[in-house]
C-alpha atoms as a PDB file:
ATOM      1  CA  MET A   1       0.123  -0.251  -0.210  1.00  0.00           C
ATOM      2  CA  SER A   2       1.027   3.931  -0.979  1.00  0.00           C
ATOM      3  CA  LEU A   3       1.665   6.248   1.564  1.00  0.00           C
ATOM      4  CA  VAL A   4      -0.319   8.611  -0.964  1.00  0.00           C
ATOM      5  CA  VAL A   5      -3.657   6.507   0.561  1.00  0.00           C
ATOM      6  CA  LEU A   6      -3.013   8.310   3.933  1.00  0.00           C
ATOM      7  CA  SER A   7      -3.244  12.217   2.544  1.00  0.00           C
ATOM      8  CA  TYR A   8      -6.511  10.545   0.532  1.00  0.00           C
ATOM      9  CA  LEU A   9      -7.820  10.100   4.080  1.00  0.00           C
ATOM     10  CA  GLY A  10      -6.956  13.664   5.280  1.00  0.00           C
ATOM     11  CA  GLY A  11      -8.443  14.956   2.378  1.00  0.00           C
ATOM     12  CA  PHE A  12     -11.269  12.989   2.373  1.00  0.00           C
ATOM     13  CA  ILE A  13     -11.720  13.845   5.981  1.00  0.00           C
ATOM     14  CA  GLY A  14     -11.243  17.581   5.676  1.00  0.00           C
ATOM     15  CA  LEU A  15     -13.685  17.747   2.813  1.00  0.00           C
ATOM     16  CA  GLY A  16     -16.122  15.986   4.864  1.00  0.00           C
ATOM     17  CA  LEU A  17     -15.647  18.426   8.144  1.00  0.00           C
ATOM     18  CA  GLY A  18     -16.369  21.218   5.238  1.00  0.00           C
ATOM     19  CA  LEU A  19     -19.022  19.718   2.910  1.00  0.00           C
ATOM     20  CA  TYR A  20     -20.523  19.039   6.868  1.00  0.00           C
ATOM     21  CA  ALA A  21     -20.195  22.992   8.088  1.00  0.00           C
ATOM     22  CA  ILE A  22     -21.876  23.823   4.776  1.00  0.00           C
ATOM     23  CA  VAL A  23     -24.856  21.805   4.999  1.00  0.00           C
ATOM     24  CA  ASN A  24     -25.708  21.678   9.400  1.00  0.00           C
ATOM     25  CA  PRO A  25     -23.697  25.031  10.343  1.00  0.00           C
ATOM     26  CA  TYR A  26     -25.317  24.553  13.403  1.00  0.00           C
ATOM     27  CA  GLY A  27     -23.916  21.204  14.057  1.00  0.00           C
ATOM     28  CA  ALA A  28     -20.415  22.257  12.718  1.00  0.00           C
ATOM     29  CA  ALA A  29     -20.318  25.263  15.448  1.00  0.00           C
ATOM     30  CA  LYS A  30     -21.373  23.220  18.024  1.00  0.00           C
ATOM     31  CA  LEU A  31     -18.210  20.715  17.230  1.00  0.00           C
ATOM     32  CA  VAL A  32     -16.137  23.439  17.513  1.00  0.00           C
ATOM     33  CA  GLY A  33     -17.327  25.041  20.417  1.00  0.00           C
ATOM     34  CA  ILE A  34     -18.528  28.000  19.090  1.00  0.00           C
ATOM     35  CA  HIS A  35     -21.864  29.514  18.650  1.00  0.00           C
ATOM     36  CA  ILE A  36     -23.998  31.391  15.734  1.00  0.00           C
ATOM     37  CA  ASP A  37     -26.351  33.948  17.062  1.00  0.00           C
ATOM     38  CA  ASP A  38     -29.754  34.180  14.945  1.00  0.00           C
ATOM     39  CA  ALA A  39     -29.583  38.234  15.390  1.00  0.00           C
ATOM     40  CA  LEU A  40     -27.199  38.315  13.487  1.00  0.00           C
ATOM     41  CA  PRO A  41     -27.675  36.152  10.563  1.00  0.00           C
ATOM     42  CA  HIS A  42     -23.865  37.191   8.790  1.00  0.00           C
ATOM     43  CA  SER A  43     -23.229  34.552  11.879  1.00  0.00           C
ATOM     44  CA  ILE A  44     -24.440  31.356   9.556  1.00  0.00           C
ATOM     45  CA  SER A  45     -23.157  32.694   6.813  1.00  0.00           C
ATOM     46  CA  GLU A  46     -19.928  33.283   8.281  1.00  0.00           C
ATOM     47  CA  VAL A  47     -19.485  29.226   9.629  1.00  0.00           C
ATOM     48  CA  ARG A  48     -20.758  28.346   6.307  1.00  0.00           C
ATOM     49  CA  ALA A  49     -18.426  30.059   4.307  1.00  0.00           C
ATOM     50  CA  THR A  50     -14.758  29.616   6.433  1.00  0.00           C
ATOM     51  CA  TYR A  51     -15.418  26.173   8.227  1.00  0.00           C
ATOM     52  CA  GLY A  52     -17.642  25.247   5.176  1.00  0.00           C
ATOM     53  CA  GLY A  53     -16.175  26.650   2.102  1.00  0.00           C
ATOM     54  CA  VAL A  54     -12.551  26.796   2.721  1.00  0.00           C
ATOM     55  CA  PHE A  55     -12.205  23.054   3.806  1.00  0.00           C
ATOM     56  CA  ALA A  56     -14.461  22.231   1.527  1.00  0.00           C
ATOM     57  CA  GLY A  57     -12.658  23.999  -1.725  1.00  0.00           C
ATOM     58  CA  GLY A  58      -9.001  23.450  -0.662  1.00  0.00           C
ATOM     59  CA  HIS A  59      -9.338  19.719   0.230  1.00  0.00           C
ATOM     60  CA  ALA A  60     -11.483  18.873  -3.048  1.00  0.00           C
ATOM     61  CA  PHE A  61      -8.575  21.011  -4.828  1.00  0.00           C
ATOM     62  CA  ALA A  62      -5.842  18.326  -3.059  1.00  0.00           C
ATOM     63  CA  LEU A  63      -8.286  15.466  -3.693  1.00  0.00           C
ATOM     64  CA  ALA A  64      -8.999  16.270  -7.496  1.00  0.00           C
ATOM     65  CA  THR A  65      -6.096  17.157  -8.695  1.00  0.00           C
ATOM     66  CA  GLY A  66      -3.454  14.854  -6.372  1.00  0.00           C
ATOM     67  CA  SER A  67      -0.912  17.766  -6.350  1.00  0.00           C
ATOM     68  CA  GLU A  68       1.773  17.387  -3.561  1.00  0.00           C
ATOM     69  CA  THR A  69       1.332  21.375  -3.562  1.00  0.00           C
ATOM     70  CA  ALA A  70      -1.986  21.209  -2.313  1.00  0.00           C
ATOM     71  CA  PHE A  71      -1.837  18.825  -0.005  1.00  0.00           C
ATOM     72  CA  LEU A  72       1.774  19.827   1.741  1.00  0.00           C
ATOM     73  CA  THR A  73      -0.299  23.277   1.805  1.00  0.00           C
ATOM     74  CA  LEU A  74      -2.995  21.842   3.562  1.00  0.00           C
ATOM     75  CA  ALA A  75      -0.679  20.192   6.170  1.00  0.00           C
ATOM     76  CA  CYS A  76       0.897  23.393   6.445  1.00  0.00           C
ATOM     77  CA  GLY A  77      -2.438  25.039   7.356  1.00  0.00           C
ATOM     78  CA  TRP A  78      -3.471  22.721   9.752  1.00  0.00           C
ATOM     79  CA  GLY A  79       0.103  22.663  11.601  1.00  0.00           C
ATOM     80  CA  LEU A  80      -0.316  26.426  11.828  1.00  0.00           C
ATOM     81  CA  THR A  81      -3.507  26.426  13.260  1.00  0.00           C
ATOM     82  CA  ALA A  82      -2.083  23.665  15.760  1.00  0.00           C
ATOM     83  CA  ILE A  83       0.851  25.881  16.682  1.00  0.00           C
ATOM     84  CA  VAL A  84      -1.504  28.799  17.527  1.00  0.00           C
ATOM     85  CA  ARG A  85      -3.954  26.784  18.837  1.00  0.00           C
ATOM     86  CA  LEU A  86      -1.328  25.471  21.836  1.00  0.00           C
ATOM     87  CA  GLY A  87      -0.094  29.756  21.566  1.00  0.00           C
ATOM     88  CA  SER A  88      -3.338  30.119  22.751  1.00  0.00           C
ATOM     89  CA  ILE A  89      -3.883  27.764  25.429  1.00  0.00           C
ATOM     90  CA  LEU A  90      -0.585  29.811  26.983  1.00  0.00           C
ATOM     91  CA  VAL A  91      -1.687  32.966  26.393  1.00  0.00           C
ATOM     92  CA  ASP A  92      -5.094  33.020  26.973  1.00  0.00           C
ATOM     93  CA  ARG A  93      -4.801  30.348  29.096  1.00  0.00           C
ATOM     94  CA  ALA A  94      -7.108  28.372  27.554  1.00  0.00           C
ATOM     95  CA  SER A  95      -6.150  25.162  28.581  1.00  0.00           C
ATOM     96  CA  ASN A  96      -9.063  22.459  28.552  1.00  0.00           C
ATOM     97  CA  GLY A  97      -9.780  19.062  26.656  1.00  0.00           C
ATOM     98  CA  ALA A  98     -11.280  20.055  23.964  1.00  0.00           C
ATOM     99  CA  ASN A  99      -8.162  22.504  22.928  1.00  0.00           C
ATOM    100  CA  TRP A 100      -6.077  19.915  23.639  1.00  0.00           C
ATOM    101  CA  GLY A 101      -7.981  17.524  21.513  1.00  0.00           C
ATOM    102  CA  GLY A 102      -8.330  20.239  18.608  1.00  0.00           C
ATOM    103  CA  ALA A 103      -4.520  20.201  19.027  1.00  0.00           C
ATOM    104  CA  ALA A 104      -3.994  16.414  18.488  1.00  0.00           C
ATOM    105  CA  PHE A 105      -6.415  16.176  15.535  1.00  0.00           C
ATOM    106  CA  GLU A 106      -5.149  19.216  13.941  1.00  0.00           C
ATOM    107  CA  PHE A 107      -1.183  17.751  14.167  1.00  0.00           C
ATOM    108  CA  GLY A 108      -2.837  14.451  12.668  1.00  0.00           C
ATOM    109  CA  MET A 109      -4.061  15.971   9.607  1.00  0.00           C
ATOM    110  CA  VAL A 110      -0.707  17.063   9.285  1.00  0.00           C
ATOM    111  CA  VAL A 111       0.429  13.793   9.296  1.00  0.00           C
ATOM    112  CA  LEU A 112      -2.124  12.287   7.238  1.00  0.00           C
ATOM    113  CA  LEU A 113      -1.575  15.233   4.552  1.00  0.00           C
ATOM    114  CA  ALA A 114       2.113  15.669   4.417  1.00  0.00           C
ATOM    115  CA  ALA A 115       3.722  12.131   5.539  1.00  0.00           C
ATOM    116  CA  PRO A 116       3.921  10.594   2.245  1.00  0.00           C
ATOM    117  CA  PHE A 117       5.418  13.436   0.644  1.00  0.00           C
ATOM    118  CA  LEU A 118       8.479  13.987   3.108  1.00  0.00           C
ATOM    119  CA  ARG A 119      11.743  12.492   1.718  1.00  0.00           C
END
């Protein structure tokens, strides 16, 4: 089995998260611990667009093209997300299970997306 399967697995996970946010923004918001304010209609658009559109678009591109650069770009994005989260844990004193679990998941995505291409 080629390790490239790992990148595609990561790609499908990211695509799935994006599609979930597009079709169920309230569920996606709950998943990441944020609240959509129904009095501010743009808040639901923000979840659909950012958690949905950016995730689905980037991961769909990598899956459709099979581009090493696309997979590595996604890995960099997930990696920086994890690093910023760890910084927030320290600076914001936000150490809790959700943040540590989020960082672990994000670093896991880095491994899935990048490992097959690291030489």
